Protein backbone atom coordinates (compact mmCIF):
# COMPACT_ATOMS: atom_id res chain seq x y z
CA UNK A 1 -39.91 22.41 -58.87
CA UNK A 2 -37.96 22.46 -55.57
CA UNK A 3 -34.49 24.02 -55.72
CA UNK A 4 -31.61 22.24 -53.99
CA UNK A 5 -31.48 24.95 -51.36
CA UNK A 6 -34.95 24.06 -50.12
CA UNK A 7 -34.83 20.31 -50.74
CA UNK A 8 -34.73 19.06 -47.11
CA UNK A 9 -35.64 15.49 -48.05
CA UNK A 10 -32.86 15.39 -50.61
CA UNK A 11 -30.34 16.62 -48.07
CA UNK A 12 -31.50 14.04 -45.53
CA UNK A 13 -31.22 11.31 -48.16
CA UNK A 14 -27.58 12.30 -48.66
CA UNK A 15 -27.01 12.18 -44.88
CA UNK A 16 -28.49 8.69 -44.63
CA UNK A 17 -26.87 7.31 -47.77
CA UNK A 18 -24.06 5.84 -45.68
CA UNK A 19 -23.30 4.95 -42.09
CA UNK A 20 -22.44 6.61 -39.79
CA UNK A 21 -24.21 9.83 -40.63
CA UNK A 22 -21.33 12.09 -39.54
CA UNK A 23 -17.66 11.74 -38.75
CA UNK A 24 -16.83 12.01 -35.06
CA UNK A 25 -15.15 15.30 -34.23
CA UNK A 26 -14.10 16.95 -30.97
CA UNK A 27 -16.60 19.33 -29.41
CA UNK A 28 -15.29 22.86 -28.84
CA UNK A 29 -17.20 25.04 -26.40
CA UNK A 30 -17.02 28.75 -27.30
CA UNK A 31 -17.79 31.32 -24.62
CA UNK A 32 -20.53 33.66 -25.78
CA UNK A 33 -20.31 37.43 -25.50
CA UNK A 34 -23.14 39.33 -23.81
CA UNK A 35 -24.95 42.57 -24.55
CA UNK A 36 -28.44 44.07 -24.47
CA UNK A 37 -29.87 40.96 -22.85
CA UNK A 38 -28.48 38.63 -25.52
CA UNK A 39 -25.77 35.97 -25.77
CA UNK A 40 -23.84 36.87 -28.90
CA UNK A 41 -21.03 35.38 -30.92
CA UNK A 42 -19.33 36.57 -34.10
CA UNK A 43 -19.69 33.98 -36.83
CA UNK A 44 -15.95 33.82 -37.52
CA UNK A 45 -15.36 31.93 -34.26
CA UNK A 46 -17.65 29.00 -34.91
CA UNK A 47 -16.86 28.87 -38.61
CA UNK A 48 -13.13 28.72 -37.84
CA UNK A 49 -13.70 25.83 -35.42
CA UNK A 50 -15.78 23.95 -37.99
CA UNK A 51 -13.19 24.57 -40.71
CA UNK A 52 -10.52 23.07 -38.43
CA UNK A 53 -12.59 19.89 -38.00
CA UNK A 54 -14.27 20.61 -34.67
CA UNK A 55 -17.90 20.78 -33.64
CA UNK A 56 -18.66 24.23 -32.19
CA UNK A 57 -21.14 24.81 -29.37
CA UNK A 58 -21.81 28.12 -27.66
CA UNK A 59 -21.48 28.42 -23.88
CA UNK A 60 -23.75 31.14 -22.46
CA UNK A 61 -22.44 33.50 -19.76
CA UNK A 62 -24.22 31.78 -16.88
CA UNK A 63 -22.61 31.78 -13.42
CA UNK A 64 -24.20 28.48 -12.40
CA UNK A 65 -21.49 26.05 -11.33
CA UNK A 66 -23.59 22.96 -12.09
CA UNK A 67 -24.18 24.24 -15.62
CA UNK A 68 -20.50 25.11 -16.08
CA UNK A 69 -19.22 21.77 -14.79
CA UNK A 70 -21.73 19.72 -16.78
CA UNK A 71 -20.78 21.66 -19.91
CA UNK A 72 -17.07 21.08 -19.34
CA UNK A 73 -17.70 17.36 -18.85
CA UNK A 74 -19.23 17.21 -22.33
CA UNK A 75 -16.76 19.24 -24.37
CA UNK A 76 -13.22 18.44 -25.51
CA UNK A 77 -11.80 21.94 -25.82
CA UNK A 78 -12.60 25.50 -24.75
CA UNK A 79 -12.38 28.65 -26.89
CA UNK A 80 -12.53 31.98 -25.03
CA UNK A 81 -13.88 34.64 -27.37
CA UNK A 82 -13.27 38.40 -27.39
CA UNK A 83 -15.38 41.13 -25.84
CA UNK A 84 -15.46 43.80 -23.15
CA UNK A 85 -12.80 44.55 -20.54
CA UNK A 86 -12.10 42.40 -17.50
CA UNK A 87 -13.18 44.00 -14.23
CA UNK A 88 -9.90 44.81 -12.39
CA UNK A 89 -11.47 43.92 -9.05
CA UNK A 90 -10.94 40.27 -10.02
CA UNK A 91 -7.21 41.07 -9.99
CA UNK A 92 -7.47 42.84 -6.65
CA UNK A 93 -7.01 46.24 -8.32
CA UNK A 94 -9.10 49.42 -8.43
CA UNK A 95 -10.29 50.65 -11.87
CA UNK A 96 -8.20 53.33 -13.59
CA UNK A 97 -9.97 56.30 -15.25
CA UNK A 98 -9.00 54.94 -18.67
CA UNK A 99 -10.76 51.60 -18.09
CA UNK A 100 -13.47 50.98 -20.67
CA UNK A 101 -16.77 49.17 -20.02
CA UNK A 102 -16.73 45.86 -18.15
CA UNK A 103 -19.20 43.00 -18.49
CA UNK A 104 -20.63 41.78 -15.17
CA UNK A 105 -22.67 39.02 -16.85
CA UNK A 106 -19.59 37.48 -18.39
CA UNK A 107 -16.63 37.86 -16.05
CA UNK A 108 -17.50 35.48 -13.22
CA UNK A 109 -18.83 32.54 -15.29
CA UNK A 110 -15.87 32.76 -17.66
CA UNK A 111 -13.26 32.92 -14.88
CA UNK A 112 -14.89 29.96 -13.13
CA UNK A 113 -15.00 28.01 -16.39
CA UNK A 114 -11.30 28.67 -17.01
CA UNK A 115 -10.24 27.45 -13.58
CA UNK A 116 -12.42 24.35 -13.79
CA UNK A 117 -11.21 23.61 -17.34
CA UNK A 118 -7.61 24.07 -16.20
CA UNK A 119 -8.13 21.55 -13.39
CA UNK A 120 -9.57 19.05 -15.89
CA UNK A 121 -6.73 19.45 -18.36
CA UNK A 122 -9.05 20.67 -21.12
CA UNK A 123 -7.29 22.29 -24.08
CA UNK A 124 -7.95 26.05 -24.01
CA UNK A 125 -7.42 28.84 -26.56
CA UNK A 126 -8.07 32.44 -25.52
CA UNK A 127 -8.56 35.24 -28.08
CA UNK A 128 -8.27 38.98 -27.28
CA UNK A 129 -10.36 39.35 -24.11
CA UNK A 130 -9.94 35.58 -23.81
CA UNK A 131 -6.18 35.81 -23.24
CA UNK A 132 -6.76 38.46 -20.60
CA UNK A 133 -9.36 36.26 -18.90
CA UNK A 134 -6.83 33.40 -18.93
CA UNK A 135 -4.27 35.56 -17.16
CA UNK A 136 -6.71 36.77 -14.51
CA UNK A 137 -8.11 33.29 -13.85
CA UNK A 138 -4.68 31.65 -13.58
CA UNK A 139 -2.91 34.13 -11.33
CA UNK A 140 -1.59 36.76 -13.73
CA UNK A 141 -2.48 40.42 -14.17
CA UNK A 142 -4.01 42.65 -16.84
CA UNK A 143 -2.89 46.14 -17.81
CA UNK A 144 -6.14 48.12 -17.70
CA UNK A 145 -5.05 50.55 -20.42
CA UNK A 146 -1.82 50.32 -22.44
CA UNK A 147 -2.07 53.78 -24.01
CA UNK A 148 0.54 55.24 -21.67
CA UNK A 149 3.22 52.72 -22.69
CA UNK A 150 2.24 51.74 -26.23
CA UNK A 151 4.22 53.02 -29.19
CA UNK A 152 2.44 50.66 -31.57
CA UNK A 153 -1.19 51.22 -32.55
CA UNK A 154 -3.17 48.35 -31.01
CA UNK A 155 -6.68 49.41 -32.06
CA UNK A 156 -6.94 49.52 -35.83
CA UNK A 157 -9.51 51.03 -38.16
CA UNK A 158 -8.51 48.73 -41.00
CA UNK A 159 -10.62 45.76 -42.01
CA UNK A 160 -10.49 42.94 -39.44
CA UNK A 161 -8.69 40.65 -41.86
CA UNK A 162 -5.88 43.18 -42.39
CA UNK A 163 -2.71 42.76 -40.30
CA UNK A 164 -1.42 46.10 -39.01
CA UNK A 165 1.60 45.30 -36.84
CA UNK A 166 3.96 42.41 -36.12
CA UNK A 167 4.74 40.31 -33.07
CA UNK A 168 7.91 38.42 -32.15
CA UNK A 169 7.37 34.73 -31.29
CA UNK A 170 9.48 33.15 -28.57
CA UNK A 171 11.96 30.48 -29.61
CA UNK A 172 10.81 27.06 -28.40
CA UNK A 173 7.18 28.07 -27.89
CA UNK A 174 4.18 26.11 -29.17
CA UNK A 175 3.12 29.23 -31.04
CA UNK A 176 6.38 29.52 -32.92
CA UNK A 177 6.29 25.83 -33.82
CA UNK A 178 2.81 26.31 -35.29
CA UNK A 179 3.92 29.11 -37.59
CA UNK A 180 7.49 28.00 -38.20
CA UNK A 181 8.94 31.51 -37.98
CA UNK A 182 9.92 34.11 -35.43
CA UNK A 183 7.73 37.03 -36.51
CA UNK A 184 4.06 37.19 -37.42
CA UNK A 185 1.90 40.01 -38.82
CA UNK A 186 -1.37 40.34 -36.87
CA UNK A 187 -4.48 42.49 -36.55
CA UNK A 188 -5.34 44.21 -33.27
CA UNK A 189 -8.42 45.60 -31.48
CA UNK A 190 -7.63 46.18 -27.83
CA UNK A 191 -6.50 48.62 -25.20
CA UNK A 192 -6.22 46.10 -22.34
CA UNK A 193 -3.46 43.51 -22.43
CA UNK A 194 -1.82 40.92 -20.24
CA UNK A 195 0.60 42.60 -17.84
CA UNK A 196 1.94 39.44 -16.15
CA UNK A 197 1.48 35.81 -17.05
CA UNK A 198 1.78 34.72 -13.43
CA UNK A 199 3.06 31.33 -12.27
CA UNK A 200 1.04 29.21 -14.72
CA UNK A 201 1.54 31.13 -17.98
CA UNK A 202 4.61 32.35 -19.83
CA UNK A 203 4.78 35.18 -22.35
CA UNK A 204 5.53 33.82 -25.83
CA UNK A 205 4.85 36.81 -28.12
CA UNK A 206 5.34 40.55 -27.81
CA UNK A 207 4.77 43.58 -30.01
CA UNK A 208 7.60 45.98 -30.85
CA UNK A 209 6.61 48.19 -27.89
CA UNK A 210 6.79 45.27 -25.44
CA UNK A 211 3.03 44.74 -25.19
CA UNK A 212 2.26 41.12 -24.39
CA UNK A 213 0.58 39.53 -27.42
CA UNK A 214 0.46 35.83 -26.51
CA UNK A 215 0.89 33.46 -23.57
CA UNK A 216 0.96 29.70 -23.15
CA UNK A 217 1.14 27.24 -20.28
CA UNK A 218 4.38 27.12 -18.31
CA UNK A 219 3.27 23.75 -16.90
CA UNK A 220 3.15 21.70 -20.12
CA UNK A 221 -0.66 22.00 -20.40
CA UNK A 222 -2.63 22.55 -23.62
CA UNK A 223 -3.30 26.23 -22.93
CA UNK A 224 -2.61 29.16 -25.23
CA UNK A 225 -3.91 32.71 -25.61
CA UNK A 226 -3.36 35.41 -28.25
CA UNK A 227 -4.21 39.09 -28.15
CA UNK A 228 -5.05 39.37 -31.84
CA UNK A 229 -8.08 37.94 -33.69
CA UNK A 230 -6.99 34.90 -35.72
CA UNK A 231 -10.59 34.04 -36.61
CA UNK A 232 -10.59 37.09 -38.91
CA UNK A 233 -7.27 36.34 -40.61
CA UNK A 234 -6.17 33.98 -43.35
CA UNK A 235 -3.25 32.97 -41.12
CA UNK A 236 -5.52 32.10 -38.20
CA UNK A 237 -6.03 28.48 -39.24
CA UNK A 238 -2.98 27.05 -37.40
CA UNK A 239 -4.33 28.19 -34.03
CA UNK A 240 -7.74 26.62 -34.58
CA UNK A 241 -6.05 23.53 -35.97
CA UNK A 242 -3.97 23.36 -32.79
CA UNK A 243 -7.03 23.64 -30.54
CA UNK A 244 -9.03 21.05 -32.44
CA UNK A 245 -6.02 18.69 -32.59
CA UNK A 246 -5.45 18.96 -28.84
CA UNK A 247 -9.17 18.47 -28.24
CA UNK A 248 -9.16 15.36 -30.44
CA UNK A 249 -6.31 13.93 -28.34
CA UNK A 250 -8.20 14.80 -25.15
CA UNK A 251 -11.35 13.12 -26.45
CA UNK A 252 -9.44 9.97 -27.41
CA UNK A 253 -7.77 9.71 -24.01
CA UNK A 254 -11.07 10.35 -22.22
CA UNK A 255 -12.73 7.52 -24.15
CA UNK A 256 -9.79 5.22 -23.46
CA UNK A 257 -9.99 5.91 -19.71
CA UNK A 258 -13.64 4.87 -19.79
CA UNK A 259 -12.53 1.43 -21.03
CA UNK A 260 -9.21 0.96 -19.21
CA UNK A 261 -8.68 0.61 -15.45
CA UNK A 262 -6.14 3.20 -14.29
CA UNK A 263 -4.20 2.37 -11.11
CA UNK A 264 -1.42 4.33 -9.41
CA UNK A 265 0.53 1.70 -7.46
CA UNK A 266 2.03 4.04 -4.86
CA UNK A 267 0.95 7.27 -3.20
CA UNK A 268 1.72 8.65 0.26
CA UNK A 269 -1.45 10.69 0.77
CA UNK A 270 -2.03 9.35 4.33
CA UNK A 271 1.10 11.25 5.41
CA UNK A 272 -1.07 14.38 5.37
CA UNK A 273 -3.81 13.03 7.63
CA UNK A 274 -2.08 14.39 10.72
CA UNK A 275 -2.26 17.93 9.30
CA UNK A 276 -6.01 17.73 8.72
CA UNK A 277 -5.99 17.38 4.93
CA UNK A 278 -9.36 16.53 3.36
CA UNK A 279 -9.47 13.80 0.71
CA UNK A 280 -13.06 14.74 -0.13
CA UNK A 281 -12.06 18.37 -0.89
CA UNK A 282 -9.91 19.63 -3.71
CA UNK A 283 -7.22 20.14 -1.10
CA UNK A 284 -4.17 22.16 -2.21
CA UNK A 285 -2.04 20.18 0.25
CA UNK A 286 -2.77 16.90 -1.55
CA UNK A 287 -1.73 15.61 -4.96
CA UNK A 288 -4.28 12.79 -4.71
CA UNK A 289 -7.83 13.55 -3.62
CA UNK A 290 -11.28 12.63 -4.82
CA UNK A 291 -11.64 15.69 -7.06
CA UNK A 292 -8.20 15.33 -8.68
CA UNK A 293 -8.80 11.63 -9.33
CA UNK A 294 -12.12 12.54 -10.99
CA UNK A 295 -10.53 15.33 -13.05
CA UNK A 296 -7.77 13.02 -14.27
CA UNK A 297 -10.23 10.13 -14.71
CA UNK A 298 -8.02 7.97 -12.53
CA UNK A 299 -9.80 4.93 -11.13
CA UNK A 300 -7.65 3.71 -8.28
CA UNK A 301 -4.68 4.36 -6.03
CA UNK A 302 -2.75 2.25 -3.57
CA UNK A 303 -2.37 4.40 -0.47
CA UNK A 304 0.43 3.29 1.80
CA UNK A 305 1.03 3.47 5.49
CA UNK A 306 4.52 4.95 5.31
CA UNK A 307 6.74 4.27 8.31
CA UNK A 308 9.92 6.35 8.60
CA UNK A 309 12.98 4.38 9.64
CA UNK A 310 14.25 5.68 13.01
CA UNK A 311 17.94 6.36 13.36
CA UNK A 312 19.84 5.17 16.40
CA UNK A 313 18.36 6.77 19.50
CA UNK A 314 15.24 8.13 17.75
CA UNK A 315 11.77 7.41 19.08
CA UNK A 316 9.43 6.19 16.34
CA UNK A 317 6.45 8.01 17.85
CA UNK A 318 8.23 11.35 17.55
CA UNK A 319 8.62 10.79 13.80
CA UNK A 320 4.97 10.08 12.96
CA UNK A 321 3.12 12.71 15.00
CA UNK A 322 0.65 10.26 16.57
CA UNK A 323 0.76 8.90 20.15
CA UNK A 324 0.84 5.22 19.17
CA UNK A 325 2.46 2.29 20.92
CA UNK A 326 4.66 1.39 17.98
CA UNK A 327 4.99 0.80 14.22
CA UNK A 328 2.29 -1.87 13.97
CA UNK A 329 -0.22 0.28 15.80
CA UNK A 330 0.68 3.25 13.60
CA UNK A 331 0.11 1.25 10.38
CA UNK A 332 -3.24 0.10 11.79
CA UNK A 333 -4.15 3.70 12.62
CA UNK A 334 -3.39 4.82 9.04
CA UNK A 335 -5.47 1.95 7.65
CA UNK A 336 -8.32 2.95 10.00
CA UNK A 337 -8.19 6.52 8.70
CA UNK A 338 -8.15 5.43 5.06
CA UNK A 339 -11.13 3.15 5.62
CA UNK A 340 -12.95 5.93 7.47
CA UNK A 341 -12.57 8.38 4.58
CA UNK A 342 -13.79 5.71 2.15
CA UNK A 343 -16.82 5.08 4.35
CA UNK A 344 -17.54 8.82 4.58
CA UNK A 345 -17.55 9.11 0.76
CA UNK A 346 -18.91 5.62 0.06
CA UNK A 347 -21.13 6.84 -2.79
CA UNK A 348 -18.01 7.76 -4.72
CA UNK A 349 -15.11 5.65 -3.41
CA UNK A 350 -14.68 2.11 -2.05
CA UNK A 351 -11.93 0.04 -0.56
CA UNK A 352 -10.62 -2.77 -2.77
CA UNK A 353 -8.57 -5.85 -2.00
CA UNK A 354 -8.48 -7.66 -5.33
CA UNK A 355 -8.36 -6.87 -9.05
CA UNK A 356 -11.99 -8.01 -9.24
CA UNK A 357 -12.94 -5.41 -6.61
CA UNK A 358 -11.31 -2.69 -8.72
CA UNK A 359 -13.19 -3.68 -11.84
CA UNK A 360 -16.50 -3.89 -9.99
CA UNK A 361 -16.01 -0.42 -8.49
CA UNK A 362 -15.20 1.01 -11.92
CA UNK A 363 -18.35 -0.50 -13.41
CA UNK A 364 -20.36 1.03 -10.57
CA UNK A 365 -18.79 4.46 -11.06
CA UNK A 366 -16.72 4.55 -7.86
CA UNK A 367 -13.05 5.23 -7.28
CA UNK A 368 -11.00 2.59 -5.46
CA UNK A 369 -8.42 2.70 -2.71
CA UNK A 370 -6.13 -0.22 -1.95
CA UNK A 371 -3.84 -0.51 1.06
CA UNK A 372 -0.09 -1.00 1.17
CA UNK A 373 2.69 -0.77 3.74
CA UNK A 374 5.92 1.10 3.04
CA UNK A 375 8.58 -0.33 5.35
CA UNK A 376 8.46 -3.78 6.92
CA UNK A 377 9.21 -2.04 10.21
CA UNK A 378 5.43 -2.30 10.68
CA UNK A 379 5.83 -6.03 11.35
CA UNK A 380 7.79 -5.27 14.53
CA UNK A 381 10.16 -8.17 13.95
CA UNK A 382 7.46 -10.85 13.83
CA UNK A 383 6.64 -12.66 10.57
CA UNK A 384 3.28 -13.65 12.08
CA UNK A 385 2.18 -10.02 11.71
CA UNK A 386 2.06 -10.53 7.93
CA UNK A 387 -1.20 -12.43 8.50
CA UNK A 388 -2.56 -9.46 10.47
CA UNK A 389 -1.93 -6.99 7.66
CA UNK A 390 -3.09 -9.44 5.01
CA UNK A 391 -6.34 -9.67 6.94
CA UNK A 392 -6.61 -5.89 6.89
CA UNK A 393 -6.30 -5.91 3.11
CA UNK A 394 -2.69 -4.86 2.49
CA UNK A 395 -1.82 -5.84 -1.09
CA UNK A 396 1.94 -5.30 -0.71
CA UNK A 397 4.61 -4.61 1.86
CA UNK A 398 7.70 -2.64 0.86
CA UNK A 399 10.43 -4.52 2.72
CA UNK A 400 12.38 -1.42 3.76
CA UNK A 401 12.65 2.35 3.32
CA UNK A 402 15.59 4.76 3.58
CA UNK A 403 17.64 2.81 6.10
CA UNK A 404 18.35 -0.80 6.95
CA UNK A 405 15.71 -2.50 9.09
CA UNK A 406 15.48 -5.98 10.56
CA UNK A 407 14.33 -7.50 7.24
CA UNK A 408 16.94 -6.30 4.77
CA UNK A 409 19.44 -3.68 3.72
CA UNK A 410 18.19 -0.49 2.09
CA UNK A 411 19.58 1.23 -1.01
CA UNK A 412 20.30 4.12 1.37
CA UNK A 413 21.57 1.88 4.17
CA UNK A 414 24.86 0.60 5.57
CA UNK A 415 24.84 -3.06 4.49
CA UNK A 416 23.83 -4.29 7.96
CA UNK A 417 22.82 -7.79 6.85
CA UNK A 418 24.58 -8.18 3.53
CA UNK A 419 21.16 -8.38 1.84
CA UNK A 420 17.99 -10.02 3.19
CA UNK A 421 18.20 -11.12 6.83
CA UNK A 422 17.02 -14.48 8.15
CA UNK A 423 13.89 -12.77 9.46
CA UNK A 424 13.43 -11.13 6.07
CA UNK A 425 13.48 -14.53 4.38
CA UNK A 426 10.79 -15.76 6.80
CA UNK A 427 8.70 -12.68 6.08
CA UNK A 428 8.97 -13.16 2.30
CA UNK A 429 7.87 -16.78 2.62
CA UNK A 430 4.95 -15.73 4.81
CA UNK A 431 3.96 -12.99 2.35
CA UNK A 432 3.89 -15.61 -0.40
CA UNK A 433 1.71 -17.82 1.80
CA UNK A 434 -0.68 -14.99 2.72
CA UNK A 435 -1.09 -13.54 -0.76
CA UNK A 436 0.77 -10.26 -0.11
CA UNK A 437 3.08 -8.94 -2.83
CA UNK A 438 6.76 -8.43 -2.02
CA UNK A 439 7.76 -4.85 -2.93
CA UNK A 440 11.48 -4.22 -3.47
CA UNK A 441 11.48 -0.47 -4.03
CA UNK A 442 14.07 1.05 -1.65
CA UNK A 443 15.94 -2.27 -1.31
CA UNK A 444 19.68 -2.51 -1.93
CA UNK A 445 20.89 -4.48 -4.95
CA UNK A 446 21.91 -7.43 -2.78
CA UNK A 447 18.56 -7.38 -0.98
CA UNK A 448 16.82 -7.23 -4.36
CA UNK A 449 18.58 -10.31 -5.74
CA UNK A 450 18.19 -12.19 -2.46
CA UNK A 451 14.46 -11.47 -2.39
CA UNK A 452 13.70 -12.57 -5.94
CA UNK A 453 15.59 -15.79 -5.27
CA UNK A 454 13.74 -16.40 -1.99
CA UNK A 455 10.26 -15.59 -3.26
CA UNK A 456 8.47 -18.41 -5.06
CA UNK A 457 6.15 -15.81 -6.64
CA UNK A 458 6.75 -12.72 -8.81
CA UNK A 459 7.76 -9.56 -6.94
CA UNK A 460 7.18 -5.88 -7.71
CA UNK A 461 8.93 -2.55 -7.42
CA UNK A 462 5.98 -0.26 -6.71
CA UNK A 463 7.83 3.01 -7.42
CA UNK A 464 11.27 2.69 -9.02
CA UNK A 465 12.88 4.17 -12.12
CA UNK A 466 15.96 3.40 -14.23
CA UNK A 467 19.55 3.79 -13.06
CA UNK A 468 20.77 3.87 -16.65
CA UNK A 469 19.03 7.24 -17.07
CA UNK A 470 19.51 8.57 -13.52
CA UNK A 471 22.36 7.13 -11.47
CA UNK A 472 20.68 6.89 -8.08
CA UNK A 473 20.95 3.85 -5.78
CA UNK A 474 17.14 3.80 -5.45
CA UNK A 475 16.79 3.14 -9.19
CA UNK A 476 17.01 -0.24 -10.89
CA UNK A 477 19.90 -1.29 -13.10
CA UNK A 478 19.12 -2.89 -16.44
CA UNK A 479 20.25 -6.22 -15.02
CA UNK A 480 17.83 -5.87 -12.11
CA UNK A 481 15.04 -5.08 -14.55
CA UNK A 482 15.84 -8.15 -16.63
CA UNK A 483 15.93 -10.37 -13.53
CA UNK A 484 12.62 -8.93 -12.35
CA UNK A 485 10.98 -9.54 -15.73
CA UNK A 486 12.42 -13.05 -16.02
CA UNK A 487 10.53 -13.96 -12.85
CA UNK A 488 7.29 -12.34 -13.99
CA UNK A 489 7.61 -9.20 -11.90
CA UNK A 490 6.82 -5.54 -12.61
CA UNK A 491 8.67 -2.23 -12.15
CA UNK A 492 6.50 0.88 -11.75
CA UNK A 493 8.11 4.10 -13.00
CA UNK A 494 7.93 6.87 -10.41
CA UNK A 495 7.64 10.65 -10.76
CA UNK A 496 10.04 11.77 -8.04
CA UNK A 497 12.35 14.29 -9.72
CA UNK A 498 15.49 13.03 -7.96
CA UNK A 499 14.96 9.57 -9.48
CA UNK A 500 14.38 10.95 -12.98
CA UNK A 501 17.29 13.35 -13.49
CA UNK A 502 20.73 13.60 -11.91
CA UNK A 503 20.79 17.34 -12.64
CA UNK A 504 18.31 20.01 -13.63
CA UNK A 505 14.55 20.01 -13.21
CA UNK A 506 12.73 16.86 -14.27
CA UNK A 507 9.49 16.93 -16.25
CA UNK A 508 7.02 14.36 -17.47
CA UNK A 509 9.23 13.91 -20.53
CA UNK A 510 11.93 12.46 -18.28
CA UNK A 511 9.40 10.05 -16.75
CA UNK A 512 8.36 8.99 -20.24
CA UNK A 513 12.01 8.40 -21.13
CA UNK A 514 12.32 6.12 -18.08
CA UNK A 515 9.17 4.28 -19.10
CA UNK A 516 10.38 3.87 -22.68
CA UNK A 517 13.71 2.56 -21.39
CA UNK A 518 12.03 0.08 -19.04
CA UNK A 519 9.88 -1.18 -21.92
CA UNK A 520 12.98 -1.61 -24.11
CA UNK A 521 14.74 -3.61 -21.37
CA UNK A 522 11.87 -5.57 -19.80
CA UNK A 523 9.12 -5.60 -22.41
CA UNK A 524 5.67 -4.04 -22.25
CA UNK A 525 4.36 -6.75 -19.88
CA UNK A 526 6.56 -5.69 -16.95
CA UNK A 527 6.11 -1.92 -16.55
CA UNK A 528 3.67 0.43 -14.86
CA UNK A 529 3.17 3.68 -12.96
CA UNK A 530 3.75 4.35 -9.26
CA UNK A 531 3.74 8.12 -8.93
CA UNK A 532 4.90 8.58 -5.31
CA UNK A 533 2.41 11.48 -5.19
CA UNK A 534 2.25 13.11 -1.75
CA UNK A 535 5.63 11.55 -1.03
CA UNK A 536 7.58 14.20 -3.02
CA UNK A 537 6.55 12.72 -6.39
CA UNK A 538 5.14 14.98 -9.10
CA UNK A 539 6.77 16.84 -11.99
CA UNK A 540 5.56 19.41 -14.55
CA UNK A 541 3.26 17.59 -16.93
CA UNK A 542 2.33 15.01 -14.28
CA UNK A 543 2.00 17.14 -11.18
CA UNK A 544 -0.93 15.38 -9.49
CA UNK A 545 -3.75 12.93 -10.18
CA UNK A 546 -5.68 15.50 -12.23
CA UNK A 547 -3.02 15.05 -14.94
CA UNK A 548 -3.43 11.29 -15.33
CA UNK A 549 -5.44 11.85 -18.50
CA UNK A 550 -2.74 14.18 -19.83
CA UNK A 551 -0.19 11.41 -19.25
CA UNK A 552 -2.31 9.03 -21.30
CA UNK A 553 -2.43 11.64 -24.07
CA UNK A 554 1.37 11.59 -24.10
CA UNK A 555 1.41 7.79 -24.24
CA UNK A 556 -0.91 7.90 -27.25
CA UNK A 557 1.30 10.51 -28.91
CA UNK A 558 4.25 8.11 -28.45
CA UNK A 559 2.28 5.44 -30.34
CA UNK A 560 1.48 3.23 -27.38
CA UNK A 561 -1.70 1.32 -28.24
CA UNK A 562 -4.72 0.68 -26.05
CA UNK A 563 -3.51 -2.76 -24.93
CA UNK A 564 -0.11 -1.26 -24.04
CA UNK A 565 -1.73 1.54 -22.06
CA UNK A 566 -3.99 -0.90 -20.23
CA UNK A 567 -0.87 -2.78 -19.12
CA UNK A 568 1.03 0.38 -18.17
CA UNK A 569 -1.89 1.86 -16.21
CA UNK A 570 -2.10 -1.13 -13.87
CA UNK A 571 -2.80 -4.20 -15.95
CA UNK A 572 0.68 -5.67 -15.41
CA UNK A 573 0.66 -4.86 -11.71
CA UNK A 574 -2.76 -6.44 -11.28
CA UNK A 575 -1.62 -9.55 -13.12
CA UNK A 576 1.07 -10.05 -10.46
CA UNK A 577 -1.41 -9.22 -7.68
CA UNK A 578 -3.85 -11.81 -9.01
CA UNK A 579 -1.12 -14.47 -9.24
CA UNK A 580 0.12 -13.78 -5.71
CA UNK A 581 -3.39 -13.76 -4.25
CA UNK A 582 -4.33 -16.93 -6.11
CA UNK A 583 -1.36 -18.73 -4.51
CA UNK A 584 -2.56 -17.83 -1.02
CA UNK A 585 -2.53 -20.89 1.26
CA UNK A 586 -3.91 -19.77 4.61
């Protein structure tokens, strides 16, 4: 008679007794240790992940970037396991005599994986060696041997499940919130430790002798590392629960982005073309490039030809850095450059003029770029030039920038016209006729109300936040928001810190507060996102396009549903675009 242990058919019958066969759980990649020609992993790591509700997979120490990237694309969280010392050469330091053995098979692939995971916003938990690898990969430093400064024993002979010293947890840290207290008893098996967290990590736990025992992201990312071994302790469950929970959120947002079109309605990336920035690289000068859009799973961006408003006596050409004949020629030059970069990377990115173009590109696996103009100065005082830019594919024209022009008064202007000028009214009518959206970001209040009265079609504010939360003339009052919504328009919350907070440093939480406020005033059908990336936009938690997915995770955590998020991430803006383009009467 077959015992239950060996009854494979019986076990399969239980698996197939209902559908689906298994509950969906986030996949956690665990870096494998290496020794004697083998990839090794202590069982406590993968059992702890499984107990927390994750699916563990082992990542071998292979320094093949294709293998690393393809692995990261298929996991939802990364667990960095313990092991041998980090080679100090990766920190730019020479080895001290007290340095123990290093692991050449493991260091490089793990450091590469950490940086690539960081760029993708993957949740990461580092344990023992793993926290040290985090520090090295993200710009910190490791103390090669702490014996000279330690007054607490950090390498115990007790059983691995036995705590032997305590650590103090920083007030306000993720770690302290997980455990709900300020001190925690831990085990310890190390002689290296993190010396400095660097710019991306902050120290959140220390031993009594000052040894760093834990770090977490200082940039509002899902990154944490601990020096002890929670997988061996009864009190380790909260850390694995945290990692699996963050990974579940990441997985949900990733799946949502596969279904929802994500559009940033305003970025100033072309401003960097004169300095030789490369959209096809992961260029540190840019907040929006092809790699960052891919990492954040962002589908589309409207790149604008930004035209600075000359002051009296200034030559426009001296402000833009290109020897052009004037504003119109400069806008054309920027459009030429955008189209050229799209052509160069045509396998991965395409120009788009309509909402249908965006959806087609997404289905075909390509990113999209749309064109916009920031400052009606580009029209050079002639409403007939609207037709020229409509023909080039501009989906909106921002009537003005920081200074009055010949179309209207700016929020930062002097009230030259008392609102929209006669020429401005002609331009608005022509934009309606040519299917180009009227953008009122930067306009004064009087210009705003004049424009929505003049336009026979809904208007947009491509990158504007709420004056009720940040009293800046560039922001919209609640009354402006209501008037915009009443006419079917949309206001796109921006991530420029000066429009989010009147004092202190803004973060993504401030942007979310502005979004929540706009929803409460206007309703979910009239809000969106216009980051102003590469035009001084970007805050911790939404610093560039690679964090678009992280922003969606925060929307989900605030109980916004999929339909809401579809509207926020461009659906509302595209509704107005479609209506304006449908009314075109050339």
